Protein backbone atom coordinates (compact mmCIF):
# COMPACT_ATOMS: atom_id res chain seq x y z
CA UNK A 1 11.07 -32.61 8.70
CA UNK A 2 12.31 -29.04 8.68
CA UNK A 3 9.67 -26.37 8.20
CA UNK A 4 9.94 -24.21 5.10
CA UNK A 5 11.40 -20.74 5.49
CA UNK A 6 8.96 -17.87 4.96
CA UNK A 7 10.09 -14.71 3.20
CA UNK A 8 7.33 -12.50 4.65
CA UNK A 9 4.74 -13.10 7.35
CA UNK A 10 2.13 -10.36 6.88
CA UNK A 11 -0.28 -9.95 9.80
CA UNK A 12 -3.32 -7.73 9.31
CA UNK A 13 -4.02 -7.16 13.01
CA UNK A 14 -7.55 -5.92 12.32
CA UNK A 15 -9.77 -3.81 10.12
CA UNK A 16 -10.29 -0.95 12.60
CA UNK A 17 -8.88 2.28 11.19
CA UNK A 18 -9.02 6.01 11.89
CA UNK A 19 -8.88 6.82 8.17
CA UNK A 20 -11.39 5.98 5.45
CA UNK A 21 -9.20 6.22 2.36
CA UNK A 22 -10.74 6.48 -1.09
CA UNK A 23 -8.60 3.59 -2.36
CA UNK A 24 -8.72 1.34 0.75
CA UNK A 25 -7.68 -2.13 -0.36
CA UNK A 26 -9.11 -3.95 2.69
CA UNK A 27 -12.51 -2.25 2.82
CA UNK A 28 -14.21 -5.20 1.12
CA UNK A 29 -12.61 -7.64 3.59
CA UNK A 30 -14.00 -5.55 6.43
CA UNK A 31 -17.44 -5.58 4.81
CA UNK A 32 -17.47 -9.37 4.49
CA UNK A 33 -16.20 -9.83 8.05
CA UNK A 34 -19.13 -7.77 9.31
CA UNK A 35 -21.59 -9.58 7.05
CA UNK A 36 -20.39 -12.94 8.41
CA UNK A 37 -20.31 -11.61 11.97
CA UNK A 38 -16.60 -12.43 12.08
CA UNK A 39 -14.16 -10.83 14.48
CA UNK A 40 -12.74 -7.69 12.87
CA UNK A 41 -9.59 -7.56 15.01
CA UNK A 42 -7.13 -10.15 16.29
CA UNK A 43 -6.62 -10.33 20.02
CA UNK A 44 -3.09 -9.99 21.41
CA UNK A 45 -2.98 -13.70 22.21
CA UNK A 46 -4.00 -14.63 18.65
CA UNK A 47 -1.20 -12.49 17.24
CA UNK A 48 1.25 -13.93 19.76
CA UNK A 49 0.28 -17.49 18.87
CA UNK A 50 0.73 -16.76 15.19
CA UNK A 51 4.17 -15.19 15.72
CA UNK A 52 5.30 -18.05 17.98
CA UNK A 53 4.07 -20.66 15.49
CA UNK A 54 7.03 -19.75 13.29
CA UNK A 55 10.31 -21.30 14.42
CA UNK A 56 13.29 -19.07 15.07
CA UNK A 57 15.21 -18.24 11.88
CA UNK A 58 12.41 -19.62 9.68
CA UNK A 59 10.86 -16.27 8.81
CA UNK A 60 12.84 -13.38 7.36
CA UNK A 61 10.43 -10.51 7.86
CA UNK A 62 7.20 -9.78 9.70
CA UNK A 63 4.88 -7.04 8.50
CA UNK A 64 2.37 -5.57 10.93
CA UNK A 65 -0.50 -3.69 9.32
CA UNK A 66 -4.29 -3.40 9.41
CA UNK A 67 -6.55 -1.46 9.13
CA UNK A 68 -4.43 0.80 11.26
CA UNK A 69 -2.34 -1.07 13.84
CA UNK A 70 -1.16 1.95 15.84
CA UNK A 71 -4.64 2.79 17.14
CA UNK A 72 -4.47 -0.33 19.33
CA UNK A 73 -3.57 0.26 22.96
CA UNK A 74 -1.44 -2.91 22.89
CA UNK A 75 0.43 -1.91 19.72
CA UNK A 76 3.83 -1.41 21.37
CA UNK A 77 3.39 -4.69 23.27
CA UNK A 78 2.82 -6.49 19.96
CA UNK A 79 6.03 -5.11 18.48
CA UNK A 80 8.10 -5.89 21.58
CA UNK A 81 6.63 -9.40 21.76
CA UNK A 82 7.75 -10.08 18.18
CA UNK A 83 11.31 -9.03 18.92
CA UNK A 84 11.33 -11.01 22.16
CA UNK A 85 10.61 -14.16 20.19
CA UNK A 86 12.43 -13.28 16.94
CA UNK A 87 15.25 -10.94 18.08
CA UNK A 88 17.06 -10.91 14.72
CA UNK A 89 14.10 -10.50 12.42
CA UNK A 90 13.15 -7.43 10.35
CA UNK A 91 9.81 -5.96 11.36
CA UNK A 92 7.98 -3.50 9.13
CA UNK A 93 5.06 -1.46 10.44
CA UNK A 94 2.67 -0.30 7.71
CA UNK A 95 0.77 2.62 9.15
CA UNK A 96 -1.01 5.88 8.42
CA UNK A 97 1.03 7.28 11.29
CA UNK A 98 -1.78 9.08 13.06
CA UNK A 99 -1.57 7.05 16.27
CA UNK A 100 2.09 6.14 16.02
CA UNK A 101 3.71 8.99 17.92
CA UNK A 102 2.45 7.90 21.35
CA UNK A 103 4.05 4.46 20.97
CA UNK A 104 7.44 5.40 19.54
CA UNK A 105 9.37 5.77 22.80
CA UNK A 106 8.53 2.14 23.66
CA UNK A 107 9.65 0.56 20.36
CA UNK A 108 12.11 2.83 18.55
CA UNK A 109 15.14 1.14 20.17
CA UNK A 110 14.76 -1.95 17.99
CA UNK A 111 17.48 -1.80 15.35
CA UNK A 112 15.58 -3.90 12.80
CA UNK A 113 12.32 -1.99 13.07
CA UNK A 114 11.19 0.00 10.03
CA UNK A 115 8.14 2.06 9.16
CA UNK A 116 6.11 2.42 5.99
CA UNK A 117 4.09 5.59 6.52
CA UNK A 118 1.29 6.55 4.13
CA UNK A 119 1.14 10.17 2.98
CA UNK A 120 -1.13 10.76 -0.01
CA UNK A 121 -0.74 14.49 -0.63
CA UNK A 122 1.84 17.28 -0.45
CA UNK A 123 -0.38 19.36 1.78
CA UNK A 124 -3.18 19.16 4.30
CA UNK A 125 -5.96 19.78 1.79
CA UNK A 126 -5.09 16.94 -0.57
CA UNK A 127 -4.03 14.32 1.96
CA UNK A 128 -7.13 14.90 4.06
CA UNK A 129 -9.32 14.73 0.96
CA UNK A 130 -7.91 11.28 0.19
CA UNK A 131 -8.20 9.85 3.72
CA UNK A 132 -11.75 11.14 4.20
CA UNK A 133 -11.84 11.55 8.00
CA UNK A 134 -10.81 15.16 8.71
CA UNK A 135 -13.08 17.08 11.08
CA UNK A 136 -13.02 20.49 12.70
CA UNK A 137 -11.03 19.01 15.58
CA UNK A 138 -9.05 16.19 13.87
CA UNK A 139 -6.43 16.82 11.24
CA UNK A 140 -5.07 13.53 9.79
CA UNK A 141 -2.29 15.29 7.85
CA UNK A 142 -1.02 17.00 10.99
CA UNK A 143 -1.15 13.82 13.06
CA UNK A 144 0.70 11.80 10.41
CA UNK A 145 3.41 14.39 9.82
CA UNK A 146 3.96 14.81 13.57
CA UNK A 147 4.73 11.08 13.83
CA UNK A 148 7.08 11.29 10.84
CA UNK A 149 8.90 14.20 12.44
CA UNK A 150 9.16 12.33 15.75
CA UNK A 151 10.73 9.29 14.07
CA UNK A 152 13.25 11.56 12.38
CA UNK A 153 13.97 13.37 15.66
CA UNK A 154 14.57 10.12 17.54
CA UNK A 155 16.59 8.45 14.76
CA UNK A 156 18.40 11.61 13.54
CA UNK A 157 17.32 10.93 9.93
CA UNK A 158 14.53 9.44 7.81
CA UNK A 159 16.25 6.19 6.80
CA UNK A 160 13.87 4.04 8.88
CA UNK A 161 10.90 5.38 6.92
CA UNK A 162 9.59 4.29 3.55
CA UNK A 163 6.99 6.83 2.49
CA UNK A 164 3.94 5.23 0.92
CA UNK A 165 1.78 6.93 -1.71
CA UNK A 166 -1.31 5.22 -3.08
CA UNK A 167 -2.39 7.04 -6.21
CA UNK A 168 -6.07 7.58 -6.92
CA UNK A 169 -8.41 9.91 -8.79
CA UNK A 170 -7.80 12.72 -6.27
CA UNK A 171 -4.01 12.81 -6.20
CA UNK A 172 -2.53 11.07 -9.27
CA UNK A 173 -1.98 14.27 -11.22
CA UNK A 174 0.09 15.59 -8.31
CA UNK A 175 2.47 12.65 -8.09
CA UNK A 176 5.55 14.81 -8.70
CA UNK A 177 4.47 17.39 -6.13
CA UNK A 178 4.04 14.69 -3.46
CA UNK A 179 7.53 13.33 -4.16
CA UNK A 180 8.97 16.84 -4.05
CA UNK A 181 7.35 17.45 -0.68
CA UNK A 182 8.68 14.21 0.81
CA UNK A 183 12.21 14.80 -0.43
CA UNK A 184 12.41 18.51 0.39
CA UNK A 185 10.65 18.27 3.76
CA UNK A 186 11.93 14.95 5.10
CA UNK A 187 14.94 14.08 2.92
CA UNK A 188 13.06 10.92 1.95
CA UNK A 189 15.34 8.09 0.88
CA UNK A 190 12.62 5.54 0.06
CA UNK A 191 9.29 6.29 -1.59
CA UNK A 192 6.92 3.43 -2.38
CA UNK A 193 4.09 4.13 -4.79
CA UNK A 194 1.11 1.97 -5.74
CA UNK A 195 -1.24 2.18 -8.67
CA UNK A 196 -4.59 1.44 -6.97
CA UNK A 197 -5.65 -2.18 -6.56
CA UNK A 198 -9.44 -2.14 -6.88
CA UNK A 199 -10.39 -5.80 -6.94
CA UNK A 200 -12.33 -5.49 -3.68
CA UNK A 201 -14.51 -2.88 -5.34
CA UNK A 202 -14.68 -4.26 -8.88
CA UNK A 203 -15.77 -7.80 -7.97
CA UNK A 204 -18.54 -6.80 -5.54
CA UNK A 205 -21.86 -8.53 -6.11
CA UNK A 206 -24.47 -5.96 -7.28
CA UNK A 207 -26.69 -6.89 -4.33
CA UNK A 208 -23.98 -5.74 -1.91
CA UNK A 209 -23.13 -2.39 -3.48
CA UNK A 210 -25.56 -0.14 -1.60
CA UNK A 211 -24.73 -1.76 1.75
CA UNK A 212 -21.01 -1.56 1.01
CA UNK A 213 -21.07 2.08 -0.13
CA UNK A 214 -21.99 3.44 3.28
CA UNK A 215 -18.72 2.08 4.72
CA UNK A 216 -16.64 3.86 2.11
CA UNK A 217 -14.99 7.24 1.60
CA UNK A 218 -17.50 10.14 1.42
CA UNK A 219 -16.87 10.50 -2.32
CA UNK A 220 -18.12 6.94 -2.74
CA UNK A 221 -20.85 6.97 -0.10
CA UNK A 222 -22.54 9.99 -1.71
CA UNK A 223 -22.20 8.78 -5.31
CA UNK A 224 -24.67 7.00 -7.58
CA UNK A 225 -22.51 3.93 -8.09
CA UNK A 226 -24.29 0.94 -9.63
CA UNK A 227 -21.50 -1.55 -10.36
CA UNK A 228 -17.97 -2.63 -9.56
CA UNK A 229 -16.79 -0.92 -12.74
CA UNK A 230 -18.36 2.33 -11.48
CA UNK A 231 -16.34 1.99 -8.27
CA UNK A 232 -13.13 1.51 -10.25
CA UNK A 233 -13.77 4.51 -12.48
CA UNK A 234 -14.51 6.68 -9.45
CA UNK A 235 -11.34 5.68 -7.61
CA UNK A 236 -8.83 4.81 -10.32
CA UNK A 237 -7.48 6.17 -13.60
CA UNK A 238 -6.10 4.86 -16.87
CA UNK A 239 -2.43 4.69 -17.77
CA UNK A 240 -3.19 7.16 -20.56
CA UNK A 241 -4.46 9.64 -17.96
CA UNK A 242 -1.34 8.91 -15.88
CA UNK A 243 1.17 9.45 -18.70
CA UNK A 244 1.95 13.15 -18.12
CA UNK A 245 2.15 12.82 -14.34
CA UNK A 246 4.41 9.76 -14.50
CA UNK A 247 6.78 11.40 -17.00
CA UNK A 248 7.11 14.57 -14.90
CA UNK A 249 7.79 12.53 -11.78
CA UNK A 250 10.42 10.34 -13.43
CA UNK A 251 12.15 13.43 -14.83
CA UNK A 252 12.26 14.83 -11.30
CA UNK A 253 13.35 11.63 -9.54
CA UNK A 254 16.29 11.10 -11.86
CA UNK A 255 17.71 14.37 -10.51
CA UNK A 256 17.53 12.89 -6.96
CA UNK A 257 19.86 9.86 -7.15
CA UNK A 258 19.92 9.45 -3.35
CA UNK A 259 16.20 8.63 -3.31
CA UNK A 260 14.83 5.25 -4.41
CA UNK A 261 11.35 5.27 -5.93
CA UNK A 262 9.53 1.93 -5.96
CA UNK A 263 6.51 1.57 -8.25
CA UNK A 264 3.92 -1.17 -7.82
CA UNK A 265 1.59 -2.19 -10.67
CA UNK A 266 3.21 0.14 -13.19
CA UNK A 267 4.40 -2.05 -16.09
CA UNK A 268 7.35 -1.34 -18.37
CA UNK A 269 5.10 -0.27 -21.23
CA UNK A 270 3.67 2.60 -19.16
CA UNK A 271 6.97 4.47 -19.44
CA UNK A 272 6.02 6.10 -22.71
CA UNK A 273 5.02 9.67 -23.50
CA UNK A 274 3.64 11.03 -26.74
CA UNK A 275 4.31 7.75 -28.53
CA UNK A 276 7.92 7.28 -27.39
CA UNK A 277 9.55 5.33 -24.58
CA UNK A 278 11.83 7.09 -22.13
CA UNK A 279 14.55 5.69 -19.91
CA UNK A 280 13.76 4.39 -16.44
CA UNK A 281 16.46 5.79 -14.11
CA UNK A 282 18.60 3.51 -11.96
CA UNK A 283 16.93 4.81 -8.78
CA UNK A 284 13.46 3.77 -9.95
CA UNK A 285 12.58 0.20 -9.00
CA UNK A 286 9.62 -1.65 -10.51
CA UNK A 287 7.93 -3.95 -8.02
CA UNK A 288 7.29 -7.07 -10.08
CA UNK A 289 6.65 -9.85 -7.57
CA UNK A 290 6.16 -10.74 -3.91
CA UNK A 291 8.25 -13.18 -1.90
CA UNK A 292 8.17 -16.74 -3.18
CA UNK A 293 6.93 -17.87 0.23
CA UNK A 294 4.69 -15.20 1.76
CA UNK A 295 1.78 -15.64 4.13
CA UNK A 296 -0.96 -13.08 4.76
CA UNK A 297 -3.23 -13.44 7.76
CA UNK A 298 -6.54 -11.59 8.05
CA UNK A 299 -9.02 -12.05 10.89
CA UNK A 300 -11.42 -13.81 8.51
CA UNK A 301 -9.04 -15.28 5.95
CA UNK A 302 -5.53 -16.75 5.70
CA UNK A 303 -3.53 -16.79 2.47
CA UNK A 304 -0.66 -19.22 2.91
CA UNK A 305 0.65 -18.89 -0.65
CA UNK A 306 0.32 -15.19 -1.34
CA UNK A 307 2.84 -15.30 -4.19
CA UNK A 308 0.46 -17.43 -6.28
CA UNK A 309 -2.59 -15.37 -5.32
CA UNK A 310 -0.78 -12.12 -6.15
CA UNK A 311 0.37 -13.48 -9.51
CA UNK A 312 -3.16 -14.60 -10.38
CA UNK A 313 -4.50 -11.10 -9.74
CA UNK A 314 -2.66 -9.95 -12.86
CA UNK A 315 -3.34 -10.36 -16.56
CA UNK A 316 -1.10 -10.10 -19.60
CA UNK A 317 -3.16 -8.75 -22.52
CA UNK A 318 -2.19 -10.56 -25.70
CA UNK A 319 -2.47 -7.47 -27.88
CA UNK A 320 0.40 -5.72 -26.07
CA UNK A 321 2.29 -8.41 -24.14
CA UNK A 322 2.80 -10.65 -27.19
CA UNK A 323 4.69 -7.79 -28.83
CA UNK A 324 6.75 -6.68 -25.84
CA UNK A 325 10.29 -7.92 -25.23
CA UNK A 326 9.94 -7.30 -21.47
CA UNK A 327 6.73 -9.28 -20.95
CA UNK A 328 8.66 -12.24 -19.51
CA UNK A 329 9.67 -10.21 -16.44
CA UNK A 330 6.81 -7.70 -16.19
CA UNK A 331 4.14 -7.60 -13.47
CA UNK A 332 1.34 -7.25 -16.01
CA UNK A 333 -1.86 -5.38 -15.14
CA UNK A 334 -4.28 -5.71 -12.28
CA UNK A 335 -7.18 -7.74 -13.66
CA UNK A 336 -9.78 -5.11 -12.78
CA UNK A 337 -7.61 -2.30 -14.18
CA UNK A 338 -7.49 -4.03 -17.55
CA UNK A 339 -11.23 -4.77 -17.47
CA UNK A 340 -12.14 -1.12 -16.81
CA UNK A 341 -9.41 0.93 -18.48
CA UNK A 342 -8.00 -1.44 -21.10
CA UNK A 343 -4.50 -0.87 -22.49
CA UNK A 344 -4.83 2.77 -23.48
CA UNK A 345 -1.57 4.60 -22.76
CA UNK A 346 0.58 1.47 -22.82
CA UNK A 347 3.26 1.10 -25.51
CA UNK A 348 4.96 -2.32 -25.78
CA UNK A 349 8.73 -2.48 -26.26
CA UNK A 350 9.25 -4.01 -29.67
């Protein structure tokens, strides 16, 4: 019997990371791995066995992420091993870029290799505030931008890079300024933006909160958080709060038709300002689903049907979705977002 084709094989190579981002979506997984005394990082042989378990031509894309994959000494060997076994596949590296530069000369020759590089601010002050690990001798913004510039130097342009912005309470009001920086500085062609996914924070058991806090971003570690909802309010923001920033950004992006802006977890009804909808430009793409057959592998958990899991993370509030003509194709809201912030700022299309 022929094995089913997989759209995306997503391998979280480990939880180790040189950033400590305010919005980190895998921080809770890391916490539970430590609590269970599980291995936080895959070995090279474990990654190799996973890659080789998929027959040739039965997986369309492999995503390598973490934590931060590029801090591994065997990072370039992992990438080259994947292409040795799947020479025609697309490989995407999701990275904060800080450790990437030292590996590039060993992997950049692969035609189907692409990078999603996270940059959360238009300047050193904001980006470093979000990632939470700047010191007097380490500058995350500088290290990330140096890797971006090296990719562009080696490839002659930025088309191999999708720039990733995760919005949070520190940077969401500066969404437009971040996009302007990426386009003006790097001629960015692809910008991927995520409204924060806070389920790992929101659904924490109260008994774990104090132990979990000390692993988190300094803004969290030093706060008087008592519940999962407190976490979400500290990190996230409502769509009502986001309305002005989103409108300004969309007005700017529509003047840059050569750049594609992808938005995750921003529903159709968020594109309203002062009680009126506005047009979504052709170069703005709303990320509404994951691959029908996607696998995600963590060191302490495997999700073999990520499409279903991802879908079940969303809710469709009756009071707005029942009125909206686009609800049949909309992503809905993150469950924890709806629980904490409700539907304020959302205007259904009637």
